[in-house]
Protein backbone atom coordinates (compact mmCIF):
# COMPACT_ATOMS: atom_id res chain seq x y z
CA UNK A 1 106.05 91.51 123.25
CA UNK A 2 108.03 89.51 120.73
CA UNK A 3 109.21 91.19 117.56
CA UNK A 4 107.70 90.02 114.30
CA UNK A 5 110.13 89.87 111.40
CA UNK A 6 108.52 90.61 108.05
CA UNK A 7 110.45 90.08 104.84
CA UNK A 8 109.47 92.59 102.14
CA UNK A 9 111.39 90.86 99.36
CA UNK A 10 109.38 91.05 96.12
CA UNK A 11 106.57 93.06 97.76
CA UNK A 12 105.09 96.49 97.04
CA UNK A 13 106.59 99.09 99.40
CA UNK A 14 103.39 100.92 100.29
CA UNK A 15 101.66 97.76 101.45
CA UNK A 16 104.39 96.53 103.77
CA UNK A 17 105.71 99.90 104.92
CA UNK A 18 103.57 99.95 108.05
CA UNK A 19 104.96 96.62 109.21
CA UNK A 20 108.69 96.24 108.69
CA UNK A 21 110.90 95.73 105.71
CA UNK A 22 113.94 94.08 104.24
CA UNK A 23 114.28 97.49 102.69
CA UNK A 24 116.44 97.00 99.62
CA UNK A 25 114.28 94.23 98.13
CA UNK A 26 110.88 95.97 98.31
CA UNK A 27 109.38 97.45 95.13
CA UNK A 28 107.88 100.81 94.24
CA UNK A 29 105.14 100.54 91.63
CA UNK A 30 105.24 102.73 88.54
CA UNK A 31 107.47 103.33 85.55
CA UNK A 32 111.17 103.01 86.33
CA UNK A 33 112.18 106.19 84.52
CA UNK A 34 109.29 108.19 85.99
CA UNK A 35 110.12 107.19 89.57
CA UNK A 36 113.84 107.92 89.15
CA UNK A 37 113.06 111.29 87.54
CA UNK A 38 110.67 112.18 90.39
CA UNK A 39 113.20 111.44 93.11
CA UNK A 40 116.10 113.05 91.21
CA UNK A 41 114.01 116.20 90.85
CA UNK A 42 113.22 116.16 94.59
CA UNK A 43 116.86 115.49 95.39
CA UNK A 44 118.17 118.35 93.25
CA UNK A 45 115.51 120.81 94.47
CA UNK A 46 116.06 122.72 97.67
CA UNK A 47 119.06 123.43 99.82
CA UNK A 48 121.33 121.40 102.05
CA UNK A 49 120.04 122.73 105.37
CA UNK A 50 116.41 123.39 104.44
CA UNK A 51 115.50 120.22 102.60
CA UNK A 52 113.81 118.27 101.19
CA UNK A 53 115.75 115.58 103.01
CA UNK A 54 115.96 112.37 101.00
CA UNK A 55 118.02 109.39 102.01
CA UNK A 56 120.14 107.36 99.62
CA UNK A 57 120.32 104.25 101.83
CA UNK A 58 117.43 101.81 101.29
CA UNK A 59 116.73 101.27 104.99
CA UNK A 60 116.55 104.99 105.78
CA UNK A 61 114.55 105.62 102.59
CA UNK A 62 111.90 103.10 103.67
CA UNK A 63 111.76 104.51 107.20
CA UNK A 64 111.17 107.98 105.73
CA UNK A 65 108.33 106.56 103.60
CA UNK A 66 106.81 105.02 106.74
CA UNK A 67 107.15 108.35 108.54
CA UNK A 68 105.04 109.94 105.82
CA UNK A 69 102.27 107.43 106.54
CA UNK A 70 102.23 108.12 110.28
CA UNK A 71 101.08 111.18 112.27
CA UNK A 72 104.72 111.76 113.27
CA UNK A 73 104.03 115.16 114.83
CA UNK A 74 101.75 113.62 117.45
CA UNK A 75 102.93 111.54 120.38
CA UNK A 76 101.34 108.30 119.17
CA UNK A 77 102.97 108.71 115.75
CA UNK A 78 106.38 109.42 117.29
CA UNK A 79 106.06 106.35 119.49
CA UNK A 80 105.01 104.19 116.54
CA UNK A 81 107.95 105.41 114.44
CA UNK A 82 110.38 104.57 117.25
CA UNK A 83 109.21 100.95 117.11
CA UNK A 84 109.84 100.61 113.36
CA UNK A 85 113.13 99.00 112.37
CA UNK A 86 114.20 98.73 108.73
CA UNK A 87 117.28 96.93 107.50
CA UNK A 88 119.01 96.55 104.16
CA UNK A 89 119.20 92.78 104.08
CA UNK A 90 118.76 90.51 107.09
CA UNK A 91 121.01 91.23 110.11
CA UNK A 92 122.81 88.30 111.71
CA UNK A 93 120.89 88.73 114.96
CA UNK A 94 117.61 88.08 113.11
CA UNK A 95 118.85 85.50 110.59
CA UNK A 96 117.93 82.52 112.76
CA UNK A 97 114.43 83.80 113.59
CA UNK A 98 111.35 82.89 111.62
CA UNK A 99 110.17 85.48 109.09
CA UNK A 100 106.63 86.23 107.99
CA UNK A 101 105.78 87.10 104.40
CA UNK A 102 103.69 90.20 103.73
CA UNK A 103 100.54 88.55 102.43
CA UNK A 104 98.71 90.36 99.66
CA UNK A 105 101.65 92.55 98.74
CA UNK A 106 103.64 90.15 96.57
CA UNK A 107 104.65 91.40 93.14
CA UNK A 108 104.30 87.91 91.68
CA UNK A 109 100.51 88.33 91.86
CA UNK A 110 100.80 91.34 89.52
CA UNK A 111 102.95 90.18 86.59
CA UNK A 112 102.29 93.26 84.42
CA UNK A 113 103.07 95.75 87.18
CA UNK A 114 105.78 98.24 86.27
CA UNK A 115 108.14 98.53 89.21
CA UNK A 116 111.59 99.37 90.53
CA UNK A 117 113.23 98.02 93.68
CA UNK A 118 114.11 100.41 96.49
CA UNK A 119 117.76 99.32 96.31
CA UNK A 120 117.91 100.06 92.58
CA UNK A 121 116.24 103.46 93.08
CA UNK A 122 118.70 104.41 95.83
CA UNK A 123 121.65 103.38 93.65
CA UNK A 124 120.32 105.47 90.76
CA UNK A 125 120.02 108.62 92.92
CA UNK A 126 123.56 108.22 94.20
CA UNK A 127 123.45 105.64 96.98
CA UNK A 128 126.27 103.15 97.44
CA UNK A 129 124.37 100.01 98.43
């Protein structure tokens, strides 16, 4: 089965998370300050070994979001999660292949939507990319 490459640039994260994502360019809907405060609170809560485990890299962050949408404790959920690949940007091996846009998830259709990109959120909670 051929891989389908889906570009999530300028799309809402929840709508394209089940497919695949150019992780750093996807958007999370909501107020910028509210979202950052929510994730900073989650990040500062807990302990190093016990969690909650939040990633600061956009690609791992998106994969963790996808994991929350799957039944990852069941065999079919584990298998589905193994097939998901998220990248920050477009890797060279996929650059020449045709990409498919996530229809219906574009932010341009919702001009008044308050949003923050996944890359910007990860940078604000301490990520380097």
